[in-house]
Amino acid sequence: MRKELVLAAVLAVPVCGQVADKANERYRTAEGRQGMLANLSAEDRAARLKGEAIVKELGVQPGSTLADLGTGGGAMLPLFSEAVGAKGQVIAEDIFADFLTPTKTKYAALKNVSFVLGTEKDVKLQAASVDLAVTIDAYHHWDYPAEVLASVKKALRPGGRFAIVDYFRRAGAMDAPGNALQHIRLDRDDVIKEVTALGFQLERTVEHVPGKQYIAIFTPVR
């Protein structure tokens, strides 16, 4: 019965939510990724993300292990590093080596940060190694949410949490009026349906930037 309910829930998610084709156009070539990296590593990106508010909302604990999934240019790494403290650990994961290599060099001074090259289907984290996994402005790029979420669930320790920070799929949510409707594969409510259908339960959700971005926090169903 449980498997039948999960399958029904997955099938209820719109078909357009299964492939992030439009969102990933600029990531398919090295030249495109270099252009994106300029934005992802910009000095003001953490401020534009309202990074301090994200850390506060997530309740990042000193001494914990946090995985930054799709770290890109690593804009949040200094804030995450400070939040977990010297006894904690931050794992910066991305699927592109040409993102991770310069980001690792840029943040070499952050001694509690390590780097992991994942794949589009697997975050490649050790089992039961993470207290909090968070993906910021990246969930809408996942072409294989079922496979990636299974690997995230495996990586979480008992009591661990998974958080998504992303844009609403609504006109005006991104800078250009129509961008979010083309770029974001699912709006918040359908993201919640997708994630809960794939083995998680919703803990809570808040509007991070009113009308533009939300935070959704989940716990795995064991």
N, C-alpha and C. Protein backbone atom coordinates (compact mmCIF):
# COMPACT_ATOMS: atom_id res chain seq x y z
N MET A 1 0.83 -1.20 0.00
CA MET A 1 0.00 0.00 0.00
C MET A 1 0.86 1.25 0.00
N ARG A 2 1.91 1.27 0.84
CA ARG A 2 2.78 2.44 0.91
C ARG A 2 3.40 2.76 -0.45
N LYS A 3 3.89 1.74 -1.16
CA LYS A 3 4.51 1.96 -2.46
C LYS A 3 3.49 2.48 -3.46
N GLU A 4 2.25 1.99 -3.38
CA GLU A 4 1.21 2.45 -4.30
C GLU A 4 0.90 3.92 -4.06
N LEU A 5 0.86 4.34 -2.79
CA LEU A 5 0.59 5.73 -2.47
C LEU A 5 1.71 6.63 -2.96
N VAL A 6 2.95 6.20 -2.77
CA VAL A 6 4.09 6.99 -3.23
C VAL A 6 4.06 7.14 -4.73
N LEU A 7 3.79 6.02 -5.46
CA LEU A 7 3.73 6.08 -6.91
C LEU A 7 2.64 7.03 -7.37
N ALA A 8 1.48 6.98 -6.71
CA ALA A 8 0.39 7.88 -7.09
C ALA A 8 0.77 9.33 -6.87
N ALA A 9 1.48 9.59 -5.78
CA ALA A 9 1.90 10.97 -5.50
C ALA A 9 2.90 11.46 -6.53
N VAL A 10 3.83 10.59 -6.94
CA VAL A 10 4.81 10.99 -7.94
C VAL A 10 4.13 11.27 -9.27
N LEU A 11 3.17 10.43 -9.64
CA LEU A 11 2.48 10.61 -10.90
C LEU A 11 1.62 11.86 -10.90
N ALA A 12 1.25 12.33 -9.70
CA ALA A 12 0.42 13.54 -9.60
C ALA A 12 1.21 14.80 -9.88
N VAL A 13 2.55 14.72 -9.80
CA VAL A 13 3.39 15.89 -10.09
C VAL A 13 3.38 16.13 -11.59
N PRO A 14 3.24 17.37 -12.06
CA PRO A 14 3.21 17.65 -13.49
C PRO A 14 4.43 17.09 -14.22
N VAL A 15 4.18 16.61 -15.44
CA VAL A 15 5.26 16.02 -16.23
C VAL A 15 6.40 17.00 -16.45
N CYS A 16 6.07 18.31 -16.56
CA CYS A 16 7.10 19.31 -16.83
C CYS A 16 8.11 19.39 -15.69
N GLY A 17 7.79 18.80 -14.54
CA GLY A 17 8.69 18.87 -13.42
C GLY A 17 9.78 17.82 -13.42
N GLN A 18 9.79 16.94 -14.40
CA GLN A 18 10.72 15.83 -14.35
C GLN A 18 12.07 16.13 -14.97
N VAL A 19 12.17 17.13 -15.85
CA VAL A 19 13.43 17.43 -16.50
C VAL A 19 13.66 18.93 -16.48
N ALA A 20 14.84 19.33 -16.01
CA ALA A 20 15.16 20.76 -15.89
C ALA A 20 15.86 21.24 -17.16
N ASP A 21 15.24 21.02 -18.31
CA ASP A 21 15.89 21.27 -19.59
C ASP A 21 16.25 22.74 -19.78
N LYS A 22 15.28 23.62 -19.63
CA LYS A 22 15.52 25.04 -19.86
C LYS A 22 16.52 25.60 -18.86
N ALA A 23 16.39 25.20 -17.60
CA ALA A 23 17.27 25.72 -16.55
C ALA A 23 18.72 25.35 -16.78
N ASN A 24 18.96 24.24 -17.45
CA ASN A 24 20.33 23.72 -17.56
C ASN A 24 21.02 24.06 -18.88
N GLU A 25 20.39 24.86 -19.71
CA GLU A 25 20.98 25.17 -21.02
C GLU A 25 22.40 25.71 -20.91
N ARG A 26 22.62 26.66 -20.02
CA ARG A 26 23.92 27.33 -19.94
C ARG A 26 24.97 26.50 -19.20
N TYR A 27 24.56 25.37 -18.65
CA TYR A 27 25.50 24.52 -17.92
C TYR A 27 26.04 23.38 -18.79
N ARG A 28 25.62 23.30 -20.03
CA ARG A 28 25.98 22.15 -20.86
C ARG A 28 27.34 22.27 -21.52
N THR A 29 27.90 23.49 -21.54
CA THR A 29 29.22 23.68 -22.15
C THR A 29 30.15 24.34 -21.13
N ALA A 30 31.45 24.13 -21.34
CA ALA A 30 32.45 24.74 -20.46
C ALA A 30 32.35 26.26 -20.52
N GLU A 31 32.10 26.81 -21.71
CA GLU A 31 31.98 28.25 -21.86
C GLU A 31 30.77 28.78 -21.09
N GLY A 32 29.67 28.06 -21.20
CA GLY A 32 28.47 28.47 -20.48
C GLY A 32 28.65 28.42 -18.97
N ARG A 33 29.33 27.38 -18.50
CA ARG A 33 29.56 27.26 -17.06
C ARG A 33 30.48 28.36 -16.55
N GLN A 34 31.47 28.75 -17.36
CA GLN A 34 32.35 29.84 -16.94
C GLN A 34 31.57 31.14 -16.79
N GLY A 35 30.64 31.36 -17.69
CA GLY A 35 29.79 32.53 -17.56
C GLY A 35 28.94 32.50 -16.31
N MET A 36 28.40 31.34 -16.00
CA MET A 36 27.59 31.20 -14.79
C MET A 36 28.44 31.35 -13.54
N LEU A 37 29.67 30.84 -13.58
CA LEU A 37 30.54 30.90 -12.41
C LEU A 37 30.84 32.34 -12.02
N ALA A 38 30.91 33.22 -13.00
CA ALA A 38 31.16 34.62 -12.69
C ALA A 38 30.09 35.18 -11.77
N ASN A 39 28.85 34.77 -11.97
CA ASN A 39 27.77 35.20 -11.09
C ASN A 39 27.77 34.43 -9.78
N LEU A 40 27.99 33.12 -9.86
CA LEU A 40 27.92 32.27 -8.66
C LEU A 40 29.04 32.56 -7.67
N SER A 41 30.14 33.13 -8.15
CA SER A 41 31.27 33.43 -7.27
C SER A 41 31.42 34.93 -6.99
N ALA A 42 30.45 35.72 -7.42
CA ALA A 42 30.53 37.17 -7.22
C ALA A 42 30.58 37.51 -5.73
N GLU A 43 31.31 38.55 -5.40
CA GLU A 43 31.53 38.90 -3.99
C GLU A 43 30.23 39.26 -3.27
N ASP A 44 29.24 39.73 -4.01
CA ASP A 44 27.98 40.13 -3.37
C ASP A 44 26.92 39.04 -3.40
N ARG A 45 27.28 37.84 -3.87
CA ARG A 45 26.25 36.80 -4.02
C ARG A 45 25.63 36.39 -2.69
N ALA A 46 26.43 36.20 -1.66
CA ALA A 46 25.87 35.80 -0.36
C ALA A 46 24.89 36.84 0.15
N ALA A 47 25.22 38.11 -0.07
CA ALA A 47 24.29 39.18 0.35
C ALA A 47 23.02 39.13 -0.48
N ARG A 48 23.16 38.89 -1.80
CA ARG A 48 21.97 38.80 -2.65
C ARG A 48 21.10 37.61 -2.28
N LEU A 49 21.73 36.54 -1.81
CA LEU A 49 20.99 35.36 -1.36
C LEU A 49 20.34 35.57 0.01
N LYS A 50 20.69 36.68 0.66
CA LYS A 50 20.29 36.91 2.06
C LYS A 50 20.78 35.73 2.90
N GLY A 51 22.09 35.49 2.77
CA GLY A 51 22.71 34.32 3.36
C GLY A 51 22.59 34.23 4.87
N GLU A 52 22.73 35.35 5.57
CA GLU A 52 22.63 35.31 7.03
C GLU A 52 21.23 34.89 7.46
N ALA A 53 20.22 35.31 6.73
CA ALA A 53 18.85 34.91 7.04
C ALA A 53 18.65 33.42 6.79
N ILE A 54 19.30 32.89 5.75
CA ILE A 54 19.22 31.45 5.48
C ILE A 54 19.82 30.66 6.64
N VAL A 55 21.01 31.05 7.08
CA VAL A 55 21.67 30.35 8.18
C VAL A 55 20.80 30.37 9.43
N LYS A 56 20.20 31.51 9.71
CA LYS A 56 19.34 31.63 10.89
C LYS A 56 18.09 30.76 10.77
N GLU A 57 17.46 30.78 9.61
CA GLU A 57 16.23 30.01 9.41
C GLU A 57 16.49 28.51 9.48
N LEU A 58 17.65 28.10 9.00
CA LEU A 58 17.99 26.68 9.02
C LEU A 58 18.41 26.21 10.40
N GLY A 59 18.74 27.13 11.28
CA GLY A 59 19.16 26.74 12.62
C GLY A 59 20.43 25.92 12.62
N VAL A 60 21.41 26.35 11.84
CA VAL A 60 22.68 25.61 11.74
C VAL A 60 23.35 25.56 13.11
N GLN A 61 23.71 24.35 13.54
CA GLN A 61 24.25 24.16 14.89
C GLN A 61 25.77 24.04 14.89
N PRO A 62 26.43 24.69 15.86
CA PRO A 62 27.87 24.50 16.02
C PRO A 62 28.21 23.03 16.22
N GLY A 63 29.26 22.57 15.59
CA GLY A 63 29.69 21.18 15.72
C GLY A 63 29.00 20.22 14.77
N SER A 64 28.07 20.71 13.98
CA SER A 64 27.34 19.85 13.06
C SER A 64 28.05 19.72 11.72
N THR A 65 27.59 18.76 10.91
CA THR A 65 28.10 18.60 9.56
C THR A 65 27.02 19.02 8.58
N LEU A 66 27.35 19.98 7.73
CA LEU A 66 26.41 20.55 6.77
C LEU A 66 26.92 20.30 5.37
N ALA A 67 26.04 19.84 4.48
CA ALA A 67 26.39 19.66 3.08
C ALA A 67 25.72 20.74 2.25
N ASP A 68 26.52 21.47 1.49
CA ASP A 68 26.04 22.52 0.59
C ASP A 68 25.99 21.91 -0.80
N LEU A 69 24.80 21.45 -1.19
CA LEU A 69 24.63 20.71 -2.44
C LEU A 69 24.46 21.67 -3.61
N GLY A 70 25.32 21.53 -4.61
CA GLY A 70 25.32 22.49 -5.71
C GLY A 70 25.95 23.79 -5.27
N THR A 71 27.09 23.68 -4.65
CA THR A 71 27.74 24.86 -4.06
C THR A 71 28.12 25.91 -5.10
N GLY A 72 28.34 25.49 -6.35
CA GLY A 72 28.68 26.46 -7.39
C GLY A 72 29.96 27.19 -7.09
N GLY A 73 29.87 28.51 -6.93
CA GLY A 73 31.05 29.32 -6.60
C GLY A 73 31.31 29.42 -5.12
N GLY A 74 30.53 28.70 -4.30
CA GLY A 74 30.80 28.64 -2.87
C GLY A 74 30.44 29.89 -2.09
N ALA A 75 29.50 30.67 -2.57
CA ALA A 75 29.19 31.95 -1.93
C ALA A 75 28.79 31.81 -0.47
N MET A 76 28.13 30.69 -0.13
CA MET A 76 27.65 30.51 1.24
C MET A 76 28.67 29.85 2.16
N LEU A 77 29.79 29.42 1.61
CA LEU A 77 30.73 28.65 2.43
C LEU A 77 31.28 29.41 3.63
N PRO A 78 31.66 30.68 3.52
CA PRO A 78 32.13 31.38 4.72
C PRO A 78 31.08 31.45 5.82
N LEU A 79 29.83 31.69 5.46
CA LEU A 79 28.76 31.76 6.46
C LEU A 79 28.52 30.39 7.08
N PHE A 80 28.48 29.35 6.26
CA PHE A 80 28.27 28.01 6.79
C PHE A 80 29.45 27.57 7.66
N SER A 81 30.66 27.89 7.23
CA SER A 81 31.86 27.55 7.99
C SER A 81 31.83 28.18 9.37
N GLU A 82 31.47 29.44 9.42
CA GLU A 82 31.38 30.14 10.71
C GLU A 82 30.28 29.55 11.58
N ALA A 83 29.16 29.18 10.97
CA ALA A 83 28.03 28.69 11.75
C ALA A 83 28.29 27.33 12.39
N VAL A 84 28.98 26.43 11.69
CA VAL A 84 29.26 25.11 12.28
C VAL A 84 30.45 25.16 13.22
N GLY A 85 31.32 26.15 13.05
CA GLY A 85 32.45 26.32 13.95
C GLY A 85 33.59 25.35 13.70
N ALA A 86 34.61 25.52 14.51
CA ALA A 86 35.84 24.73 14.33
C ALA A 86 35.62 23.24 14.52
N LYS A 87 34.63 22.87 15.33
CA LYS A 87 34.35 21.46 15.58
C LYS A 87 33.35 20.87 14.59
N GLY A 88 32.83 21.71 13.72
CA GLY A 88 31.88 21.25 12.71
C GLY A 88 32.56 21.07 11.36
N GLN A 89 31.76 20.69 10.37
CA GLN A 89 32.31 20.45 9.04
C GLN A 89 31.28 20.90 8.00
N VAL A 90 31.78 21.48 6.93
CA VAL A 90 30.97 21.82 5.77
C VAL A 90 31.49 21.02 4.59
N ILE A 91 30.59 20.36 3.89
CA ILE A 91 30.94 19.62 2.69
C ILE A 91 30.35 20.36 1.50
N ALA A 92 31.21 20.87 0.64
CA ALA A 92 30.77 21.60 -0.55
C ALA A 92 30.71 20.62 -1.72
N GLU A 93 29.49 20.37 -2.21
CA GLU A 93 29.31 19.39 -3.29
C GLU A 93 28.83 20.09 -4.55
N ASP A 94 29.34 19.63 -5.68
CA ASP A 94 28.83 20.08 -6.96
C ASP A 94 29.11 18.99 -7.99
N ILE A 95 28.39 19.04 -9.11
CA ILE A 95 28.59 18.03 -10.15
C ILE A 95 29.58 18.48 -11.21
N PHE A 96 30.06 19.73 -11.11
CA PHE A 96 30.98 20.26 -12.11
C PHE A 96 32.36 20.50 -11.50
N ALA A 97 33.36 19.79 -12.02
CA ALA A 97 34.73 19.98 -11.54
C ALA A 97 35.22 21.39 -11.81
N ASP A 98 34.75 22.00 -12.92
CA ASP A 98 35.22 23.34 -13.23
C ASP A 98 34.56 24.41 -12.36
N PHE A 99 33.61 24.03 -11.52
CA PHE A 99 33.15 24.89 -10.43
C PHE A 99 33.96 24.61 -9.17
N LEU A 100 34.13 23.33 -8.86
CA LEU A 100 34.77 22.96 -7.60
C LEU A 100 36.24 23.38 -7.54
N THR A 101 36.96 23.25 -8.64
CA THR A 101 38.40 23.51 -8.60
C THR A 101 38.71 24.95 -8.20
N PRO A 102 38.16 25.97 -8.86
CA PRO A 102 38.46 27.34 -8.43
C PRO A 102 37.85 27.68 -7.07
N THR A 103 36.72 27.07 -6.76
CA THR A 103 36.08 27.34 -5.46
C THR A 103 36.92 26.78 -4.32
N LYS A 104 37.49 25.61 -4.53
CA LYS A 104 38.38 25.01 -3.52
C LYS A 104 39.60 25.89 -3.29
N THR A 105 40.16 26.44 -4.36
CA THR A 105 41.31 27.34 -4.22
C THR A 105 40.92 28.62 -3.50
N LYS A 106 39.79 29.18 -3.87
CA LYS A 106 39.35 30.45 -3.29
C LYS A 106 39.13 30.34 -1.79
N TYR A 107 38.62 29.19 -1.34
CA TYR A 107 38.27 29.05 0.07
C TYR A 107 39.20 28.08 0.81
N ALA A 108 40.44 27.99 0.35
CA ALA A 108 41.41 27.09 0.97
C ALA A 108 41.65 27.41 2.44
N ALA A 109 41.43 28.65 2.83
CA ALA A 109 41.67 29.04 4.22
C ALA A 109 40.59 28.53 5.18
N LEU A 110 39.47 28.07 4.65
CA LEU A 110 38.39 27.55 5.50
C LEU A 110 38.70 26.09 5.81
N LYS A 111 39.31 25.85 6.94
CA LYS A 111 39.85 24.53 7.26
C LYS A 111 38.77 23.50 7.59
N ASN A 112 37.56 23.95 7.87
CA ASN A 112 36.49 22.98 8.17
C ASN A 112 35.60 22.74 6.96
N VAL A 113 36.09 23.09 5.76
CA VAL A 113 35.33 22.87 4.53
C VAL A 113 36.07 21.86 3.65
N SER A 114 35.35 20.85 3.19
CA SER A 114 35.90 19.88 2.25
C SER A 114 35.03 19.88 0.99
N PHE A 115 35.52 19.27 -0.07
CA PHE A 115 34.86 19.35 -1.37
C PHE A 115 34.62 17.96 -1.94
N VAL A 116 33.45 17.77 -2.53
CA VAL A 116 33.07 16.47 -3.08
C VAL A 116 32.48 16.68 -4.47
N LEU A 117 32.95 15.91 -5.43
CA LEU A 117 32.40 15.93 -6.78
C LEU A 117 31.30 14.89 -6.87
N GLY A 118 30.08 15.34 -7.01
CA GLY A 118 28.95 14.44 -7.17
C GLY A 118 28.65 14.20 -8.63
N THR A 119 27.52 13.57 -8.89
CA THR A 119 27.04 13.37 -10.26
C THR A 119 25.61 13.87 -10.32
N GLU A 120 25.03 13.89 -11.51
CA GLU A 120 23.67 14.38 -11.64
C GLU A 120 22.65 13.44 -11.01
N LYS A 121 23.09 12.25 -10.57
CA LYS A 121 22.19 11.30 -9.93
C LYS A 121 22.57 10.95 -8.50
N ASP A 122 23.74 11.41 -8.03
CA ASP A 122 24.24 10.97 -6.72
C ASP A 122 25.14 12.06 -6.13
N VAL A 123 24.83 12.48 -4.91
CA VAL A 123 25.66 13.51 -4.28
C VAL A 123 26.99 12.97 -3.77
N LYS A 124 27.14 11.66 -3.75
CA LYS A 124 28.42 11.01 -3.43
C LYS A 124 28.91 11.34 -2.01
N LEU A 125 27.98 11.44 -1.07
CA LEU A 125 28.34 11.64 0.33
C LEU A 125 28.29 10.30 1.06
N GLN A 126 29.11 10.17 2.07
CA GLN A 126 29.13 8.93 2.84
C GLN A 126 27.81 8.74 3.58
N ALA A 127 27.43 7.50 3.77
CA ALA A 127 26.18 7.19 4.46
C ALA A 127 26.22 7.72 5.88
N ALA A 128 25.09 8.26 6.33
CA ALA A 128 24.92 8.74 7.70
C ALA A 128 26.06 9.66 8.14
N SER A 129 26.39 10.63 7.29
CA SER A 129 27.52 11.51 7.57
C SER A 129 27.13 12.97 7.75
N VAL A 130 25.86 13.31 7.51
CA VAL A 130 25.46 14.71 7.41
C VAL A 130 24.26 15.00 8.33
N ASP A 131 24.33 16.12 9.04
CA ASP A 131 23.21 16.55 9.88
C ASP A 131 22.21 17.42 9.11
N LEU A 132 22.71 18.20 8.18
CA LEU A 132 21.86 19.10 7.40
C LEU A 132 22.40 19.18 5.98
N ALA A 133 21.55 18.86 5.02
CA ALA A 133 21.89 19.03 3.61
C ALA A 133 21.01 20.14 3.06
N VAL A 134 21.61 21.10 2.39
CA VAL A 134 20.85 22.23 1.86
C VAL A 134 21.25 22.49 0.42
N THR A 135 20.28 22.79 -0.40
CA THR A 135 20.54 23.17 -1.79
C THR A 135 19.89 24.52 -2.04
N ILE A 136 20.69 25.48 -2.47
CA ILE A 136 20.26 26.88 -2.61
C ILE A 136 20.24 27.26 -4.07
N ASP A 137 19.07 27.64 -4.57
CA ASP A 137 18.88 28.02 -5.97
C ASP A 137 19.39 26.94 -6.92
N ALA A 138 19.25 25.68 -6.52
CA ALA A 138 19.78 24.60 -7.35
C ALA A 138 18.79 23.46 -7.56
N TYR A 139 17.79 23.33 -6.69
CA TYR A 139 16.88 22.19 -6.83
C TYR A 139 16.21 22.18 -8.20
N HIS A 140 15.92 23.35 -8.74
CA HIS A 140 15.25 23.40 -10.04
C HIS A 140 16.15 22.94 -11.18
N HIS A 141 17.43 22.70 -10.90
CA HIS A 141 18.34 22.18 -11.92
C HIS A 141 18.42 20.65 -11.90
N TRP A 142 17.79 20.00 -10.94
CA TRP A 142 17.94 18.55 -10.80
C TRP A 142 17.12 17.84 -11.87
N ASP A 143 17.79 17.14 -12.77
CA ASP A 143 17.11 16.34 -13.78
C ASP A 143 16.62 15.01 -13.23
N TYR A 144 17.23 14.54 -12.15
CA TYR A 144 16.90 13.23 -11.60
C TYR A 144 16.60 13.35 -10.10
N PRO A 145 15.50 14.01 -9.75
CA PRO A 145 15.22 14.23 -8.33
C PRO A 145 15.08 12.95 -7.52
N ALA A 146 14.50 11.91 -8.09
CA ALA A 146 14.31 10.66 -7.33
C ALA A 146 15.66 10.08 -6.93
N GLU A 147 16.58 10.00 -7.89
CA GLU A 147 17.89 9.41 -7.60
C GLU A 147 18.70 10.29 -6.65
N VAL A 148 18.68 11.60 -6.88
CA VAL A 148 19.46 12.49 -6.01
C VAL A 148 18.91 12.49 -4.59
N LEU A 149 17.60 12.54 -4.46
CA LEU A 149 17.01 12.54 -3.12
C LEU A 149 17.28 11.23 -2.38
N ALA A 150 17.32 10.13 -3.11
CA ALA A 150 17.67 8.85 -2.47
C ALA A 150 19.09 8.92 -1.91
N SER A 151 20.00 9.54 -2.64
CA SER A 151 21.38 9.64 -2.15
C SER A 151 21.47 10.63 -0.99
N VAL A 152 20.66 11.68 -1.00
CA VAL A 152 20.63 12.62 0.12
C VAL A 152 20.11 11.93 1.36
N LYS A 153 19.01 11.19 1.20
CA LYS A 153 18.42 10.48 2.34
C LYS A 153 19.43 9.51 2.96
N LYS A 154 20.17 8.82 2.13
CA LYS A 154 21.19 7.89 2.61
C LYS A 154 22.28 8.61 3.40
N ALA A 155 22.61 9.84 2.98
CA ALA A 155 23.71 10.59 3.61
C ALA A 155 23.32 11.20 4.96
N LEU A 156 22.02 11.36 5.21
CA LEU A 156 21.59 12.02 6.44
C LEU A 156 21.70 11.11 7.66
N ARG A 157 22.18 11.67 8.73
CA ARG A 157 22.21 10.96 10.00
C ARG A 157 20.81 10.90 10.60
N PRO A 158 20.58 10.03 11.59
CA PRO A 158 19.29 10.06 12.30
C PRO A 158 19.04 11.46 12.85
N GLY A 159 17.85 11.98 12.60
CA GLY A 159 17.53 13.34 13.01
C GLY A 159 17.99 14.40 12.02
N GLY A 160 18.59 13.98 10.92
CA GLY A 160 19.08 14.91 9.92
C GLY A 160 17.95 15.57 9.14
N ARG A 161 18.28 16.69 8.48
CA ARG A 161 17.28 17.46 7.75
C ARG A 161 17.80 17.81 6.35
N PHE A 162 16.86 18.03 5.45
CA PHE A 162 17.16 18.45 4.09
C PHE A 162 16.39 19.72 3.81
N ALA A 163 17.07 20.75 3.29
CA ALA A 163 16.42 22.04 3.05
C ALA A 163 16.62 22.49 1.61
N ILE A 164 15.57 23.07 1.07
CA ILE A 164 15.59 23.65 -0.27
C ILE A 164 15.35 25.15 -0.14
N VAL A 165 16.21 25.94 -0.76
CA VAL A 165 15.98 27.38 -0.91
C VAL A 165 15.87 27.62 -2.40
N ASP A 166 14.73 28.09 -2.86
CA ASP A 166 14.57 28.22 -4.30
C ASP A 166 13.53 29.27 -4.64
N TYR A 167 13.41 29.54 -5.94
CA TYR A 167 12.46 30.52 -6.44
C TYR A 167 11.07 29.91 -6.59
N PHE A 168 10.06 30.72 -6.39
CA PHE A 168 8.71 30.35 -6.80
C PHE A 168 8.66 30.29 -8.32
N ARG A 169 7.79 29.46 -8.85
CA ARG A 169 7.57 29.43 -10.30
C ARG A 169 6.39 30.36 -10.60
N ARG A 170 6.69 31.65 -10.56
CA ARG A 170 5.66 32.66 -10.71
C ARG A 170 6.25 33.85 -11.45
N ALA A 171 5.42 34.54 -12.21
CA ALA A 171 5.88 35.74 -12.91
C ALA A 171 6.42 36.74 -11.90
N GLY A 172 7.61 37.27 -12.18
CA GLY A 172 8.21 38.26 -11.30
C GLY A 172 9.07 37.70 -10.20
N ALA A 173 9.12 36.38 -10.04
CA ALA A 173 9.93 35.80 -8.97
C ALA A 173 11.42 35.98 -9.24
N MET A 174 11.81 35.96 -10.51
CA MET A 174 13.19 36.25 -10.89
C MET A 174 13.25 37.63 -11.52
N ASP A 175 14.46 38.13 -11.76
CA ASP A 175 14.63 39.52 -12.19
C ASP A 175 13.84 39.85 -13.45
N ALA A 176 13.99 39.05 -14.50
CA ALA A 176 13.20 39.27 -15.71
C ALA A 176 11.81 38.68 -15.49
N PRO A 177 10.75 39.39 -15.86
CA PRO A 177 9.38 38.99 -15.51
C PRO A 177 8.99 37.56 -15.85
N GLY A 178 9.41 37.06 -17.02
CA GLY A 178 9.00 35.72 -17.41
C GLY A 178 9.99 34.63 -17.09
N ASN A 179 11.14 34.98 -16.53
CA ASN A 179 12.21 34.00 -16.33
C ASN A 179 11.81 32.81 -15.47
N ALA A 180 11.14 33.08 -14.37
CA ALA A 180 10.80 32.00 -13.46
C ALA A 180 9.87 30.98 -14.11
N LEU A 181 8.96 31.44 -14.95
CA LEU A 181 8.03 30.52 -15.60
C LEU A 181 8.74 29.62 -16.59
N GLN A 182 9.82 30.08 -17.19
CA GLN A 182 10.59 29.27 -18.12
C GLN A 182 11.67 28.45 -17.42
N HIS A 183 12.23 29.01 -16.37
CA HIS A 183 13.46 28.48 -15.77
C HIS A 183 13.18 27.52 -14.61
N ILE A 184 12.17 27.80 -13.82
CA ILE A 184 11.90 27.00 -12.62
C ILE A 184 10.94 25.87 -12.97
N ARG A 185 11.34 24.63 -12.71
CA ARG A 185 10.54 23.50 -13.20
C ARG A 185 9.29 23.24 -12.37
N LEU A 186 9.27 23.60 -11.09
CA LEU A 186 8.11 23.37 -10.22
C LEU A 186 7.96 24.52 -9.26
N ASP A 187 6.71 24.91 -8.98
CA ASP A 187 6.46 25.88 -7.92
C ASP A 187 6.57 25.17 -6.57
N ARG A 188 6.57 25.96 -5.49
CA ARG A 188 6.82 25.42 -4.15
C ARG A 188 5.92 24.24 -3.80
N ASP A 189 4.63 24.36 -4.02
CA ASP A 189 3.73 23.30 -3.59
C ASP A 189 4.00 21.99 -4.32
N ASP A 190 4.36 22.07 -5.61
CA ASP A 190 4.69 20.85 -6.34
C ASP A 190 6.06 20.31 -5.96
N VAL A 191 6.99 21.19 -5.58
CA VAL A 191 8.26 20.72 -5.03
C VAL A 191 8.00 19.91 -3.76
N ILE A 192 7.16 20.43 -2.90
CA ILE A 192 6.83 19.73 -1.66
C ILE A 192 6.20 18.37 -1.97
N LYS A 193 5.28 18.32 -2.95
CA LYS A 193 4.68 17.05 -3.34
C LYS A 193 5.73 16.08 -3.83
N GLU A 194 6.65 16.58 -4.64
CA GLU A 194 7.69 15.71 -5.20
C GLU A 194 8.59 15.15 -4.10
N VAL A 195 9.07 16.02 -3.22
CA VAL A 195 10.01 15.58 -2.19
C VAL A 195 9.33 14.64 -1.19
N THR A 196 8.11 14.95 -0.80
CA THR A 196 7.43 14.07 0.16
C THR A 196 7.07 12.73 -0.48
N ALA A 197 6.80 12.72 -1.78
CA ALA A 197 6.53 11.46 -2.46
C ALA A 197 7.77 10.58 -2.55
N LEU A 198 8.93 11.19 -2.41
CA LEU A 198 10.19 10.47 -2.57
C LEU A 198 10.90 10.22 -1.25
N GLY A 199 10.13 10.14 -0.17
CA GLY A 199 10.70 9.63 1.07
C GLY A 199 11.00 10.63 2.15
N PHE A 200 10.42 11.84 2.07
CA PHE A 200 10.63 12.85 3.09
C PHE A 200 9.29 13.38 3.59
N GLN A 201 9.32 14.00 4.76
CA GLN A 201 8.14 14.69 5.24
C GLN A 201 8.48 16.15 5.50
N LEU A 202 7.53 17.02 5.23
CA LEU A 202 7.76 18.45 5.38
C LEU A 202 7.75 18.83 6.85
N GLU A 203 8.82 19.51 7.27
CA GLU A 203 8.88 20.04 8.63
C GLU A 203 8.24 21.41 8.69
N ARG A 204 8.65 22.28 7.77
CA ARG A 204 8.04 23.61 7.69
C ARG A 204 8.54 24.31 6.44
N THR A 205 7.81 25.36 6.07
CA THR A 205 8.21 26.19 4.94
C THR A 205 7.95 27.64 5.28
N VAL A 206 8.83 28.52 4.78
CA VAL A 206 8.68 29.96 5.01
C VAL A 206 8.99 30.69 3.71
N GLU A 207 8.48 31.89 3.56
CA GLU A 207 8.87 32.75 2.45
C GLU A 207 10.19 33.41 2.82
N HIS A 208 11.21 33.10 2.05
CA HIS A 208 12.53 33.68 2.31
C HIS A 208 12.59 35.12 1.80
N VAL A 209 12.18 35.29 0.55
CA VAL A 209 12.03 36.63 -0.04
C VAL A 209 10.59 36.70 -0.53
N PRO A 210 9.75 37.50 0.09
CA PRO A 210 8.32 37.50 -0.24
C PRO A 210 8.04 37.61 -1.73
N GLY A 211 7.26 36.64 -2.22
CA GLY A 211 6.88 36.62 -3.62
C GLY A 211 7.95 36.12 -4.57
N LYS A 212 9.15 35.85 -4.05
CA LYS A 212 10.26 35.46 -4.92
C LYS A 212 10.87 34.11 -4.53
N GLN A 213 11.24 33.94 -3.27
CA GLN A 213 11.92 32.72 -2.86
C GLN A 213 11.33 32.17 -1.57
N TYR A 214 11.48 30.86 -1.41
CA TYR A 214 10.99 30.17 -0.21
C TYR A 214 12.08 29.26 0.34
N ILE A 215 11.90 28.86 1.56
CA ILE A 215 12.72 27.81 2.18
C ILE A 215 11.77 26.70 2.61
N ALA A 216 12.08 25.48 2.24
CA ALA A 216 11.31 24.31 2.68
C ALA A 216 12.27 23.34 3.35
N ILE A 217 11.91 22.91 4.55
CA ILE A 217 12.77 22.03 5.34
C ILE A 217 12.06 20.70 5.54
N PHE A 218 12.79 19.61 5.27
CA PHE A 218 12.23 18.26 5.32
C PHE A 218 13.04 17.36 6.25
N THR A 219 12.40 16.32 6.71
CA THR A 219 13.08 15.24 7.41
C THR A 219 12.80 13.94 6.68
N PRO A 220 13.74 13.00 6.64
CA PRO A 220 13.51 11.75 5.91
C PRO A 220 12.54 10.84 6.67
N VAL A 221 11.76 10.12 5.91
CA VAL A 221 10.90 9.08 6.48
C VAL A 221 11.70 7.79 6.49
N ARG A 222 11.91 7.25 7.66
CA ARG A 222 12.72 6.03 7.78
C ARG A 222 11.84 4.80 7.81
